[in-house]
Amino acid sequence: MITSDDARWQQLLELADLAIGNGLMDFQRPIWRDLVTQLLGSVRDDSGERRKDLRAPLELEVDILAPEEIASLATSSVSAGGLSIRIAEVIPVGTRLDLSIKLAQRPVPLLAKAQVVWSREGELGVAFVDLFQNDRELLEGLAVKAVLSGPPT
């Protein structure tokens, strides 16, 4: 369990700032992976769901560029592996999407290819199928900061 009085807490925040900013250096990546894995293990819920990536409630503006353009949607959660997107339409599972994700940390949107992995009225989940390592780390850094900025334990 990683708590706010644990030295790893501060190290995670520092590395998250780097991931969100100019990016992690190669020697920092194994440390980052290990710490994020430890954090993921300490925040798992009791549902029995096992996730590969840390997920956090976070609202980002996202546009679907293809197959049909749908602008000004919002995420409900973010991880390095995918997004939950609030949307009125039900898009079939397996549909490939081109996404544009607006981030305050970037002058231009992050472009990503994703695939719908679940869909229901009001929300859908997508998994990234093509994302640069720095972009994945940036999203993961945002998730880490969102998790750690919750009520301290």
Protein backbone atom coordinates (compact mmCIF):
# COMPACT_ATOMS: atom_id res chain seq x y z
CA MET A 1 0.00 0.00 0.00
CA ILE A 2 1.38 3.40 -1.00
CA THR A 3 0.31 6.18 1.37
CA SER A 4 1.00 9.91 1.41
CA ASP A 5 3.69 9.49 4.07
CA ASP A 6 5.53 6.89 1.94
CA ALA A 7 8.63 8.13 0.04
CA ARG A 8 7.26 6.38 -3.08
CA TRP A 9 4.27 8.79 -3.05
CA GLN A 10 6.54 11.80 -3.62
CA GLN A 11 8.65 9.90 -6.15
CA LEU A 12 5.49 9.00 -8.10
CA LEU A 13 4.37 12.64 -8.11
CA GLU A 14 7.79 13.81 -9.33
CA LEU A 15 7.90 11.21 -12.11
CA ALA A 16 4.27 11.97 -13.05
CA ASP A 17 5.22 15.64 -13.44
CA LEU A 18 8.04 14.60 -15.78
CA ALA A 19 5.75 12.26 -17.76
CA ILE A 20 3.19 15.06 -18.15
CA GLY A 21 5.86 17.66 -18.95
CA ASN A 22 8.90 16.96 -21.09
CA GLY A 23 8.63 13.17 -20.80
CA LEU A 24 10.50 10.49 -18.91
CA MET A 25 14.10 9.63 -19.66
CA ASP A 26 14.99 6.04 -20.48
CA PHE A 27 16.64 5.38 -17.10
CA GLN A 28 13.45 6.61 -15.32
CA ARG A 29 11.05 4.33 -17.18
CA PRO A 30 11.71 1.10 -15.22
CA ILE A 31 11.35 3.00 -11.93
CA TRP A 32 8.10 4.58 -13.19
CA ARG A 33 6.71 1.20 -14.31
CA ASP A 34 7.53 -0.39 -10.95
CA LEU A 35 5.99 2.43 -8.92
CA VAL A 36 2.83 2.61 -11.06
CA THR A 37 2.43 -1.17 -10.74
CA GLN A 38 2.74 -0.86 -6.96
CA LEU A 39 0.20 1.98 -6.94
CA LEU A 40 -2.19 -0.04 -9.11
CA GLY A 41 -1.97 -2.88 -6.60
CA SER A 42 -2.75 -0.53 -3.71
CA VAL A 43 -5.86 1.04 -5.30
CA ARG A 44 -7.61 -2.05 -6.69
CA ASP A 45 -11.22 -2.20 -5.65
CA ASP A 46 -13.12 -5.14 -4.20
CA SER A 47 -14.94 -5.97 -7.46
CA GLY A 48 -12.29 -8.54 -8.34
CA GLU A 49 -11.55 -6.65 -11.56
CA ARG A 50 -7.88 -6.92 -12.47
CA ARG A 51 -6.55 -4.10 -14.60
CA LYS A 52 -3.27 -3.84 -16.41
CA ASP A 53 -3.26 -0.04 -16.33
CA LEU A 54 -4.00 2.47 -13.60
CA ARG A 55 -7.34 4.16 -14.29
CA ALA A 56 -8.56 7.41 -12.74
CA PRO A 57 -11.69 9.53 -12.99
CA LEU A 58 -10.64 12.42 -15.17
CA GLU A 59 -12.48 14.62 -17.65
CA LEU A 60 -10.70 15.44 -20.90
CA GLU A 61 -12.21 16.77 -24.11
CA VAL A 62 -12.06 14.23 -26.90
CA ASP A 63 -13.26 14.26 -30.51
CA ILE A 64 -13.92 11.17 -32.59
CA LEU A 65 -12.47 11.95 -36.03
CA ALA A 66 -13.32 8.68 -37.78
CA PRO A 67 -15.21 6.64 -38.84
CA GLU A 68 -17.73 9.48 -38.30
CA GLU A 69 -16.80 12.82 -36.81
CA ILE A 70 -18.32 13.46 -33.38
CA ALA A 71 -16.93 16.53 -31.64
CA SER A 72 -16.78 17.80 -28.06
CA LEU A 73 -17.21 14.62 -26.07
CA ALA A 74 -15.75 14.14 -22.59
CA THR A 75 -13.98 11.29 -20.88
CA SER A 76 -15.14 9.93 -17.53
CA SER A 77 -11.95 7.98 -16.84
CA VAL A 78 -8.46 7.82 -18.30
CA SER A 79 -5.64 5.27 -18.31
CA ALA A 80 -2.54 4.56 -20.36
CA GLY A 81 -4.48 1.75 -22.01
CA GLY A 82 -7.71 3.51 -22.91
CA LEU A 83 -10.56 5.85 -22.08
CA SER A 84 -14.18 5.81 -21.01
CA ILE A 85 -16.06 8.37 -23.11
CA ARG A 86 -19.50 9.83 -22.41
CA ILE A 87 -21.53 9.60 -25.62
CA ALA A 88 -25.22 9.41 -26.50
CA GLU A 89 -24.74 6.95 -29.37
CA VAL A 90 -24.03 3.26 -28.99
CA ILE A 91 -21.03 2.37 -31.15
CA PRO A 92 -20.54 -1.34 -31.91
CA VAL A 93 -17.80 -3.22 -30.07
CA GLY A 94 -14.80 -3.72 -32.34
CA THR A 95 -15.22 -0.40 -34.18
CA ARG A 96 -11.89 1.33 -34.85
CA LEU A 97 -11.80 5.03 -33.96
CA ASP A 98 -9.42 7.88 -34.65
CA LEU A 99 -9.40 10.15 -31.59
CA SER A 100 -8.22 13.68 -30.89
CA ILE A 101 -7.63 14.26 -27.16
CA LYS A 102 -7.18 17.83 -25.96
CA LEU A 103 -4.65 18.23 -23.15
CA ALA A 104 -3.66 21.43 -21.35
CA GLN A 105 -0.05 20.18 -21.40
CA ARG A 106 0.15 20.11 -25.21
CA PRO A 107 -0.25 22.85 -27.81
CA VAL A 108 -1.86 20.38 -30.23
CA PRO A 109 -4.24 17.51 -29.46
CA LEU A 110 -2.94 14.00 -28.87
CA LEU A 111 -3.98 11.81 -31.81
CA ALA A 112 -4.68 8.16 -31.08
CA LYS A 113 -6.12 5.09 -32.74
CA ALA A 114 -8.44 3.07 -30.52
CA GLN A 115 -10.94 0.23 -30.65
CA VAL A 116 -14.31 0.08 -28.88
CA VAL A 117 -14.13 -2.68 -26.24
CA TRP A 118 -17.52 -2.04 -24.62
CA SER A 119 -20.46 0.22 -25.39
CA ARG A 120 -23.76 1.07 -23.74
CA GLU A 121 -26.15 3.98 -23.94
CA GLY A 122 -24.39 7.00 -22.49
CA GLU A 123 -20.81 5.67 -22.44
CA LEU A 124 -18.25 3.57 -24.24
CA GLY A 125 -14.84 2.17 -23.45
CA VAL A 126 -11.96 2.22 -25.90
CA ALA A 127 -8.54 0.59 -25.82
CA PHE A 128 -5.65 2.27 -27.55
CA VAL A 129 -4.23 0.27 -30.46
CA ASP A 130 -1.58 2.75 -31.58
CA LEU A 131 -0.10 5.26 -29.15
CA PHE A 132 3.43 6.62 -28.81
CA GLN A 133 5.23 5.73 -25.58
CA ASN A 134 5.51 9.37 -24.45
CA ASP A 135 1.78 9.89 -25.07
CA ARG A 136 0.95 6.74 -23.09
CA GLU A 137 3.16 7.93 -20.23
CA LEU A 138 1.56 11.38 -20.34
CA LEU A 139 -1.93 9.87 -19.92
CA GLU A 140 -0.63 7.56 -17.20
CA GLY A 141 0.96 10.55 -15.45
CA LEU A 142 -2.40 12.34 -15.49
CA ALA A 143 -4.06 9.22 -14.02
CA VAL A 144 -1.40 8.92 -11.30
CA LYS A 145 -1.80 12.58 -10.32
CA ALA A 146 -5.60 12.20 -10.23
CA VAL A 147 -5.36 9.11 -8.01
CA LEU A 148 -2.80 10.68 -5.67
CA SER A 149 -4.68 13.98 -5.41
CA GLY A 150 -7.67 12.16 -3.92
CA PRO A 151 -8.11 12.04 -0.16
CA PRO A 152 -4.75 11.08 1.40
CA THR A 153 -4.63 7.72 3.13
